[in-house]
Amino acid sequence: MDNEDFTLLIQNLQRPINCLTDQDRNIRKNGLSTLLKEISKTNKSYQIKILLTTNLNKNLLHTLNDPI
């Protein structure tokens, strides 16, 4: 996976990342499921890079109190 592929992956993950802060619980759950499915397909170094270069961390913090 090169930088172009990584950029495309981040663009495709942006919607599920944004869904994590939605008020609707089902949207948050679907966003989290999509993220887990797509991120698990990548190698470990890209998983770490995704966490460090996106707003995923901030949005995941919003879901900590939610039992979804």
Protein backbone atom coordinates (compact mmCIF):
# COMPACT_ATOMS: atom_id res chain seq x y z
CA MET A 1 0.00 0.00 0.00
CA ASP A 2 1.55 3.29 -1.05
CA ASN A 3 0.69 6.87 -0.12
CA GLU A 4 -2.01 7.17 -2.78
CA ASP A 5 -3.71 4.04 -1.49
CA PHE A 6 -3.43 5.29 2.07
CA THR A 7 -4.96 8.66 1.12
CA LEU A 8 -7.83 6.89 -0.62
CA LEU A 9 -8.36 4.67 2.43
CA ILE A 10 -8.52 7.71 4.72
CA GLN A 11 -11.01 9.40 2.41
CA ASN A 12 -13.19 6.28 2.45
CA LEU A 13 -13.01 6.07 6.25
CA GLN A 14 -13.89 9.71 6.88
CA ARG A 15 -17.65 9.15 6.82
CA PRO A 16 -17.62 6.27 9.35
CA ILE A 17 -15.24 8.31 11.52
CA ASN A 18 -17.70 11.21 11.47
CA CYS A 19 -20.58 8.85 12.24
CA LEU A 20 -19.04 8.12 15.65
CA THR A 21 -20.24 11.49 16.94
CA ASP A 22 -23.76 11.34 15.52
CA GLN A 23 -26.70 11.58 17.93
CA ASP A 24 -28.38 8.48 16.47
CA ARG A 25 -27.10 5.35 18.21
CA ASN A 26 -27.60 3.12 15.14
CA ILE A 27 -25.49 5.43 12.99
CA ARG A 28 -22.70 5.35 15.59
CA LYS A 29 -22.89 1.56 15.75
CA ASN A 30 -22.79 1.17 11.96
CA GLY A 31 -19.89 3.62 11.72
CA LEU A 32 -17.93 1.67 14.32
CA SER A 33 -18.66 -1.64 12.59
CA THR A 34 -17.52 -0.24 9.25
CA LEU A 35 -14.33 1.13 10.77
CA LEU A 36 -13.48 -2.16 12.45
CA LYS A 37 -14.08 -4.09 9.24
CA GLU A 38 -12.07 -1.76 7.00
CA ILE A 39 -9.17 -1.09 9.38
CA SER A 40 -8.73 -4.79 10.13
CA LYS A 41 -8.04 -5.34 6.41
CA THR A 42 -4.93 -3.13 6.55
CA ASN A 43 -1.49 -3.98 7.93
CA LYS A 44 -0.39 -2.91 11.41
CA SER A 45 1.75 0.03 10.32
CA TYR A 46 -1.18 1.57 8.44
CA GLN A 47 -3.50 0.94 11.39
CA ILE A 48 -1.18 3.00 13.57
CA LYS A 49 -0.86 5.68 10.89
CA ILE A 50 -4.67 5.88 10.61
CA LEU A 51 -4.94 6.48 14.35
CA LEU A 52 -2.25 9.16 14.30
CA THR A 53 -3.26 11.08 11.17
CA THR A 54 -7.05 11.24 11.42
CA ASN A 55 -9.56 12.58 13.90
CA LEU A 56 -10.45 8.98 14.77
CA ASN A 57 -9.00 9.26 18.28
CA LYS A 58 -11.15 12.27 19.16
CA ASN A 59 -14.29 10.65 17.81
CA LEU A 60 -13.57 7.33 19.53
CA LEU A 61 -13.34 9.18 22.85
CA HIS A 62 -16.94 10.30 22.36
CA THR A 63 -18.04 6.67 22.14
CA LEU A 64 -16.38 5.46 25.34
CA ASN A 65 -19.47 6.03 27.49
CA ASP A 66 -21.76 4.52 24.88
CA PRO A 67 -22.41 0.76 25.29
CA ILE A 68 -22.69 0.18 21.53
